[in-house]
Amino acid sequence: MGIIMIKISSVYFAIGVAIGYYMSIVHDYALTPVHVHINLLGWTALMLAGIIYHIFPDLGAAKLATFHFWFHNIGLPIMMMGLFFTITLKTEGLVPIIATGASLTSIGILLFVFHVVKNLKPS
């Protein structure tokens, strides 16, 4: 589980950097919220979770890790696409999509926190 999360987080990192680079070239920073969330929740959070799951393989092999993985990796793209289109189309009609993605991502992160607090033990 850990290695897969590390690889996926690297893809999020490339996407986040590409958005940041694009904004710098065109001098339009409207997509900053997308850039920041992809880098924080996609790159940083998933990378750290992946490292933790790799260092502690029992954590990574547990069902809670699988639930965390799927909630996080389904919710984040939904939230980011909704936010991207809300910003670029200048519409509030996609806010429920953002909220759905944010809820799924938050559930995944809360599962991760619960899992680590409850199940991480000294070796």
Protein backbone atom coordinates (compact mmCIF):
# COMPACT_ATOMS: atom_id res chain seq x y z
CA MET A 1 0.00 0.00 0.00
CA GLY A 2 2.77 2.43 0.93
CA ILE A 3 4.63 2.26 -2.37
CA ILE A 4 1.43 2.78 -4.37
CA MET A 5 0.61 5.87 -2.30
CA ILE A 6 4.13 7.24 -2.78
CA LYS A 7 3.83 6.79 -6.56
CA ILE A 8 0.38 8.41 -6.69
CA SER A 9 1.59 11.30 -4.55
CA SER A 10 4.39 11.88 -7.05
CA VAL A 11 1.80 12.24 -9.82
CA TYR A 12 -0.09 14.78 -7.68
CA PHE A 13 3.21 16.63 -7.18
CA ALA A 14 3.76 16.85 -10.93
CA ILE A 15 0.20 18.13 -11.42
CA GLY A 16 0.59 20.70 -8.63
CA VAL A 17 3.89 21.95 -10.03
CA ALA A 18 2.43 22.13 -13.55
CA ILE A 19 -0.47 24.26 -12.30
CA GLY A 20 1.94 26.52 -10.41
CA TYR A 21 4.17 26.83 -13.47
CA TYR A 22 1.19 27.66 -15.68
CA MET A 23 0.00 30.35 -13.27
CA SER A 24 3.49 31.88 -13.23
CA ILE A 25 3.69 31.96 -17.02
CA VAL A 26 0.29 33.60 -17.55
CA HIS A 27 0.46 35.78 -14.41
CA ASP A 28 -3.00 34.60 -13.36
CA TYR A 29 -3.17 33.05 -9.93
CA ALA A 30 -6.86 32.19 -9.83
CA LEU A 31 -6.05 28.47 -9.61
CA THR A 32 -4.01 28.91 -6.41
CA PRO A 33 -6.56 26.97 -4.30
CA VAL A 34 -6.31 24.00 -6.67
CA HIS A 35 -2.51 24.22 -6.72
CA VAL A 36 -2.29 24.38 -2.93
CA HIS A 37 -4.75 21.55 -2.25
CA ILE A 38 -3.15 19.23 -4.78
CA ASN A 39 0.28 19.87 -3.29
CA LEU A 40 -0.85 19.57 0.32
CA LEU A 41 -3.43 16.77 0.18
CA GLY A 42 -2.12 14.98 -2.90
CA TRP A 43 1.65 15.31 -2.69
CA THR A 44 2.44 15.90 0.98
CA ALA A 45 -0.30 14.02 2.83
CA LEU A 46 -0.25 10.96 0.57
CA MET A 47 3.55 10.87 0.52
CA LEU A 48 3.72 10.92 4.31
CA ALA A 49 0.96 8.31 4.63
CA GLY A 50 2.72 6.14 2.06
CA ILE A 51 6.00 6.39 3.96
CA ILE A 52 4.25 5.51 7.22
CA TYR A 53 2.52 2.53 5.59
CA HIS A 54 5.85 1.42 4.10
CA ILE A 55 7.77 1.73 7.37
CA PHE A 56 4.98 -0.01 9.30
CA PRO A 57 3.74 -2.70 6.90
CA ASP A 58 1.13 -4.00 9.35
CA LEU A 59 -0.58 -0.59 9.20
CA GLY A 60 -0.43 -0.57 5.41
CA ALA A 61 -1.89 -4.06 5.14
CA ALA A 62 -4.93 -3.31 7.31
CA LYS A 63 -8.45 -2.71 5.99
CA LEU A 64 -8.44 0.81 7.45
CA ALA A 65 -5.46 1.65 5.21
CA THR A 66 -7.39 0.41 2.19
CA PHE A 67 -10.41 2.51 3.14
CA HIS A 68 -8.16 5.54 3.67
CA PHE A 69 -6.54 4.99 0.28
CA TRP A 70 -9.82 4.81 -1.63
CA PHE A 71 -11.64 7.64 0.15
CA HIS A 72 -8.63 9.92 -0.26
CA ASN A 73 -7.96 9.01 -3.89
CA ILE A 74 -11.58 9.23 -5.00
CA GLY A 75 -12.43 12.34 -3.00
CA LEU A 76 -9.41 14.46 -3.87
CA PRO A 77 -9.80 14.33 -7.68
CA ILE A 78 -13.54 15.00 -7.36
CA MET A 79 -12.89 17.98 -5.10
CA MET A 80 -10.10 19.35 -7.32
CA MET A 81 -12.04 18.99 -10.57
CA GLY A 82 -15.04 20.69 -8.98
CA LEU A 83 -12.86 23.51 -7.68
CA PHE A 84 -11.02 23.86 -11.00
CA PHE A 85 -14.26 24.18 -12.96
CA THR A 86 -15.87 26.44 -10.36
CA ILE A 87 -12.94 28.83 -10.75
CA THR A 88 -12.50 28.61 -14.52
CA LEU A 89 -16.22 28.73 -15.36
CA LYS A 90 -16.92 31.28 -12.63
CA THR A 91 -19.95 29.40 -11.37
CA GLU A 92 -21.14 28.33 -7.95
CA GLY A 93 -23.18 25.46 -9.40
CA LEU A 94 -20.39 22.94 -8.80
CA VAL A 95 -20.01 23.63 -5.08
CA PRO A 96 -21.89 20.40 -4.19
CA ILE A 97 -19.27 18.46 -6.16
CA ILE A 98 -16.50 20.20 -4.24
CA ALA A 99 -18.29 19.42 -0.97
CA THR A 100 -18.73 15.75 -1.93
CA GLY A 101 -15.06 15.38 -2.81
CA ALA A 102 -13.99 17.26 0.32
CA SER A 103 -16.19 15.03 2.46
CA LEU A 104 -14.75 11.83 0.96
CA THR A 105 -11.20 13.13 1.32
CA SER A 106 -11.84 14.21 4.91
CA ILE A 107 -13.30 10.81 5.77
CA GLY A 108 -10.20 9.16 4.32
CA ILE A 109 -7.88 11.41 6.32
CA LEU A 110 -9.86 10.88 9.52
CA LEU A 111 -9.67 7.11 8.95
CA PHE A 112 -5.90 7.44 8.56
CA VAL A 113 -5.60 9.42 11.80
CA PHE A 114 -7.80 6.96 13.68
CA HIS A 115 -5.84 4.03 12.26
CA VAL A 116 -2.47 5.48 13.24
CA VAL A 117 -3.57 6.54 16.73
CA LYS A 118 -5.30 3.22 17.44
CA ASN A 119 -2.99 0.73 15.76
CA LEU A 120 0.55 2.11 15.60
CA LYS A 121 2.53 0.36 18.29
CA PRO A 122 6.22 0.37 19.14
CA SER A 123 8.00 -2.60 17.64
